[in-house]
Amino acid sequence: MAYMEGQTARRLLGVDDVNTFVVNAKPGARAAVEEKLKSLCGKSGLLLQSFADLRRRIDTIINGVVASFGCCWPGFIIGAFGWPTR
C-alpha cells in the first residue's frame, strides 16, 4: 500500500482525491514492483507498507487491547468487593 497526500498523487500519478493505493503484483513480479515502489516512495517522501506489515500492526494493536483488558479484570473484581452496600 502507498499512502499519498492528494496534491502529491495528482502531481505524480495524475489521479484525483486518492490517499491510498493497493497494488497487486503478479506472483513473479512482486520483488521488482516492490523495488520500483520503494524508489518512487523514497524520492517523494511517501510511506510504503506491505499488507503483511499492515496486518502485523493491526494484530499488535488488538493484542495490546486484549492484554489491557486482561490486566484490568482483577481490579474490577477487587473493586466489586469494596463497593459500599449501604
Protein backbone atom coordinates (compact mmCIF):
# COMPACT_ATOMS: atom_id res chain seq x y z
CA MET A 1 0.00 0.00 0.00
CA ALA A 2 1.16 3.51 -0.68
CA TYR A 3 -0.35 6.44 1.19
CA MET A 4 -0.22 9.73 -0.67
CA GLU A 5 -1.35 13.24 0.06
CA GLY A 6 -3.83 14.43 -2.57
CA GLN A 7 -1.62 17.03 -4.27
CA THR A 8 1.26 14.59 -4.48
CA ALA A 9 -0.97 11.92 -6.06
CA ARG A 10 -2.26 14.41 -8.64
CA ARG A 11 1.27 15.58 -9.47
CA LEU A 12 2.94 12.14 -9.66
CA LEU A 13 0.15 9.90 -10.90
CA GLY A 14 -2.44 12.22 -12.42
CA VAL A 15 -5.26 10.97 -10.17
CA ASP A 16 -7.74 12.96 -8.07
CA ASP A 17 -8.81 12.51 -4.46
CA VAL A 18 -6.96 9.30 -3.64
CA ASN A 19 -4.85 8.83 -0.49
CA THR A 20 -4.21 5.08 -0.57
CA PHE A 21 -3.29 2.76 -3.40
CA VAL A 22 -3.35 -1.01 -3.19
CA VAL A 23 -1.04 -2.57 -5.74
CA ASN A 24 -1.45 -6.21 -6.73
CA ALA A 25 1.59 -7.68 -8.45
CA LYS A 26 1.77 -10.88 -10.42
CA PRO A 27 3.45 -13.66 -8.39
CA GLY A 28 6.76 -13.49 -10.28
CA ALA A 29 6.91 -9.67 -10.39
CA ARG A 30 6.46 -8.87 -6.70
CA ALA A 31 10.11 -8.12 -5.92
CA ALA A 32 10.56 -5.88 -8.99
CA VAL A 33 7.34 -3.97 -8.25
CA GLU A 34 8.35 -3.56 -4.61
CA GLU A 35 11.75 -2.12 -5.57
CA LYS A 36 10.17 0.30 -8.01
CA LEU A 37 7.61 1.43 -5.42
CA LYS A 38 10.33 1.84 -2.78
CA SER A 39 12.28 4.05 -5.18
CA LEU A 40 9.22 6.17 -6.02
CA CYS A 41 8.18 6.50 -2.38
CA GLY A 42 11.73 7.28 -1.23
CA LYS A 43 12.10 10.10 -3.76
CA SER A 44 8.68 11.54 -2.96
CA GLY A 45 8.67 11.20 0.83
CA LEU A 46 5.79 8.72 0.77
CA LEU A 47 5.00 5.76 3.03
CA LEU A 48 5.13 2.29 1.51
CA GLN A 49 3.65 -0.52 3.57
CA SER A 50 3.10 -4.14 2.63
CA PHE A 51 -0.11 -5.91 3.53
CA ALA A 52 1.91 -8.14 5.87
CA ASP A 53 3.24 -5.05 7.68
CA LEU A 54 -0.28 -3.64 8.00
CA ARG A 55 -1.56 -6.95 9.30
CA ARG A 56 1.23 -7.14 11.92
CA ARG A 57 0.48 -3.59 13.06
CA ILE A 58 -3.25 -4.30 13.45
CA ASP A 59 -2.52 -7.58 15.27
CA THR A 60 -0.20 -5.72 17.66
CA ILE A 61 -2.87 -3.12 18.42
CA ILE A 62 -5.54 -5.78 19.01
CA ASN A 63 -3.22 -7.82 21.22
CA GLY A 64 -2.50 -4.70 23.28
CA VAL A 65 -6.21 -4.04 23.79
CA VAL A 66 -6.85 -7.66 24.78
CA ALA A 67 -3.90 -7.62 27.18
CA SER A 68 -5.10 -4.40 28.80
CA PHE A 69 -8.48 -6.00 29.48
CA GLY A 70 -6.68 -8.98 30.96
CA CYS A 71 -4.82 -6.69 33.35
CA CYS A 72 -7.96 -4.75 34.35
CA TRP A 73 -10.36 -7.54 35.32
CA PRO A 74 -8.74 -8.28 38.71
CA GLY A 75 -9.23 -4.61 39.61
CA PHE A 76 -12.92 -4.83 38.76
CA ILE A 77 -13.35 -7.91 40.97
CA ILE A 78 -11.48 -6.33 43.88
CA GLY A 79 -13.47 -3.12 43.41
CA ALA A 80 -16.75 -5.06 43.47
CA PHE A 81 -15.90 -6.47 46.91
CA GLY A 82 -15.13 -2.99 48.19
CA TRP A 83 -18.35 -1.43 46.88
CA PRO A 84 -20.39 0.16 49.68
CA THR A 85 -23.52 -1.86 50.48
CA ARG A 86 -25.50 0.82 52.35
